[in-house]
Protein backbone atom coordinates (compact mmCIF):
# COMPACT_ATOMS: atom_id res chain seq x y z
CA MET A 1 0.00 0.00 0.00
CA GLU A 2 1.56 3.25 -1.15
CA THR A 3 0.53 6.38 0.73
CA THR A 4 1.38 9.87 -0.38
CA THR A 5 -0.84 11.78 2.03
CA THR A 6 -1.15 11.17 5.74
CA VAL A 7 -3.63 12.89 8.01
CA THR A 8 -3.12 12.39 11.71
CA THR A 9 -4.82 14.04 14.59
CA PRO A 10 -4.92 13.36 18.34
CA GLY A 11 -8.49 14.63 18.61
CA PRO A 12 -11.76 14.66 16.69
CA LEU A 13 -11.75 15.18 12.94
CA VAL A 14 -14.71 16.32 10.84
CA PHE A 15 -14.73 16.46 7.04
CA THR A 16 -17.68 17.78 5.06
CA ALA A 17 -18.39 16.21 1.67
CA ALA A 18 -16.57 19.16 0.09
CA ASP A 19 -13.56 18.57 2.35
CA VAL A 20 -13.38 14.92 1.28
CA GLU A 21 -13.65 15.89 -2.40
CA ALA A 22 -10.76 18.34 -1.90
CA ILE A 23 -8.40 15.59 -0.67
CA PRO A 24 -6.23 14.51 -3.61
CA GLU A 25 -7.25 11.21 -5.16
CA VAL A 26 -4.01 9.31 -5.70
CA PRO A 27 -3.15 5.93 -7.20
CA LEU A 28 -3.19 3.20 -4.58
CA ALA A 29 0.05 1.87 -6.05
CA ALA A 30 1.85 2.41 -9.33
CA GLN A 31 1.45 -1.24 -10.33
CA ILE A 32 -2.36 -1.27 -9.79
CA PRO A 33 -4.04 0.66 -12.64
CA GLY A 34 -7.62 1.88 -12.22
CA VAL A 35 -7.51 2.00 -8.40
CA THR A 36 -7.28 5.32 -6.56
CA HIS A 37 -7.93 6.46 -3.02
CA ARG A 38 -8.19 9.40 -0.66
CA ILE A 39 -6.70 8.94 2.78
CA LEU A 40 -8.98 10.43 5.41
CA TRP A 41 -7.00 9.48 8.49
CA CYS A 42 -3.88 7.49 9.35
CA ASP A 43 -1.96 6.99 12.58
CA GLY A 44 0.79 4.72 11.28
CA ALA A 45 -0.95 1.51 12.40
CA SER A 46 -4.53 2.07 11.20
CA MET A 47 -6.05 3.93 8.25
CA ALA A 48 -9.39 5.20 6.95
CA GLY A 49 -10.04 6.21 3.38
CA VAL A 50 -12.20 6.20 0.29
CA MET A 51 -11.13 3.95 -2.59
CA ARG A 52 -12.38 3.96 -6.17
CA ILE A 53 -12.01 0.98 -8.47
CA GLU A 54 -12.82 1.77 -12.08
CA ALA A 55 -14.90 -0.59 -14.20
CA GLY A 56 -12.78 -3.38 -15.62
CA HIS A 57 -10.15 -3.16 -12.88
CA ARG A 58 -9.34 -4.93 -9.64
CA LEU A 59 -7.21 -4.42 -6.58
CA GLY A 60 -5.55 -7.83 -6.86
CA THR A 61 -5.50 -10.75 -4.44
CA HIS A 62 -3.68 -9.91 -1.23
CA ALA A 63 -3.87 -10.34 2.55
CA HIS A 64 -3.10 -7.96 5.38
CA ARG A 65 -0.71 -9.62 7.79
CA ARG A 66 -1.79 -7.71 10.85
CA ASN A 67 -4.76 -5.41 10.27
CA HIS A 68 -8.43 -6.19 9.92
CA HIS A 69 -9.96 -4.74 6.74
CA HIS A 70 -13.45 -3.25 6.88
CA ILE A 71 -15.18 -2.23 3.63
CA TRP A 72 -18.46 -0.40 3.15
CA VAL A 73 -19.54 -0.08 -0.49
CA LEU A 74 -20.74 3.48 -1.12
CA ASP A 75 -21.70 3.08 -4.78
CA GLY A 76 -21.37 0.59 -7.61
CA GLU A 77 -20.40 -2.99 -6.96
CA ALA A 78 -17.43 -5.34 -6.86
CA GLU A 79 -16.81 -9.01 -6.20
CA ILE A 80 -15.34 -9.47 -2.73
CA LEU A 81 -14.68 -12.92 -1.25
CA GLY A 82 -16.70 -14.52 -4.06
CA VAL A 83 -19.80 -12.34 -3.53
CA VAL A 84 -20.88 -9.35 -5.64
CA VAL A 85 -21.35 -6.62 -3.05
CA GLY A 86 -23.25 -3.46 -3.97
CA ALA A 87 -24.00 -0.08 -2.44
CA GLY A 88 -24.80 -0.36 1.25
CA GLY A 89 -23.00 -3.69 1.61
CA TYR A 90 -20.36 -4.27 4.26
CA VAL A 91 -17.43 -6.71 4.41
CA HIS A 92 -15.08 -7.55 7.29
CA ILE A 93 -11.87 -9.37 6.36
CA PRO A 94 -9.75 -10.59 9.28
CA ALA A 95 -5.97 -10.31 9.10
CA GLY A 96 -4.35 -13.05 7.04
CA VAL A 97 -7.34 -13.75 4.75
CA ASP A 98 -6.67 -13.51 0.99
CA HIS A 99 -9.13 -11.19 -0.74
CA ASP A 100 -9.64 -8.95 -3.77
CA LEU A 101 -11.91 -6.11 -4.75
CA ASP A 102 -12.72 -7.06 -8.32
CA ALA A 103 -14.71 -4.72 -10.58
CA ARG A 104 -13.74 -6.36 -13.88
CA ALA A 105 -17.32 -7.54 -14.46
CA THR A 106 -19.07 -4.48 -12.96
CA SER A 107 -19.33 -0.76 -13.59
CA GLY A 108 -16.81 -0.10 -10.81
CA CYS A 109 -17.30 0.97 -7.22
CA THR A 110 -16.40 3.40 -4.48
CA VAL A 111 -15.81 2.08 -0.97
CA PHE A 112 -15.07 3.49 2.45
CA TYR A 113 -12.36 1.35 4.03
CA LEU A 114 -10.68 0.90 7.37
CA TYR A 115 -7.46 -0.95 8.09
CA LEU A 116 -7.57 -1.42 11.83
CA SER A 117 -4.72 -2.59 13.95
CA PRO A 118 -5.65 -5.28 16.49
CA GLU A 119 -4.64 -2.77 19.18
CA SER A 120 -7.32 -0.30 17.98
């Protein structure tokens, strides 16, 4: 996971929709075309953000060694853990579980994601 923007704060953080839109949307990683994200918050161990996967693209199969991955689909749909999950759907992926967000057969999707350290 490549991060170019990090937002940290010891206290509360509030973003309006306009604030979120103003955060630069950056490629998740150079070797993953069609996948971008906005980092909303990061403390070095955990992260929150909004990820967009364009139609015909996928994140690629991977596992997080330590963090739990929470995904809430905001719009569109993608195949996650063998299920096509659409807007309003939620997925929890424990650390160590292989998974993908695959929009190759859909019109793409936008998700809110959390990578949460077990200590969180």
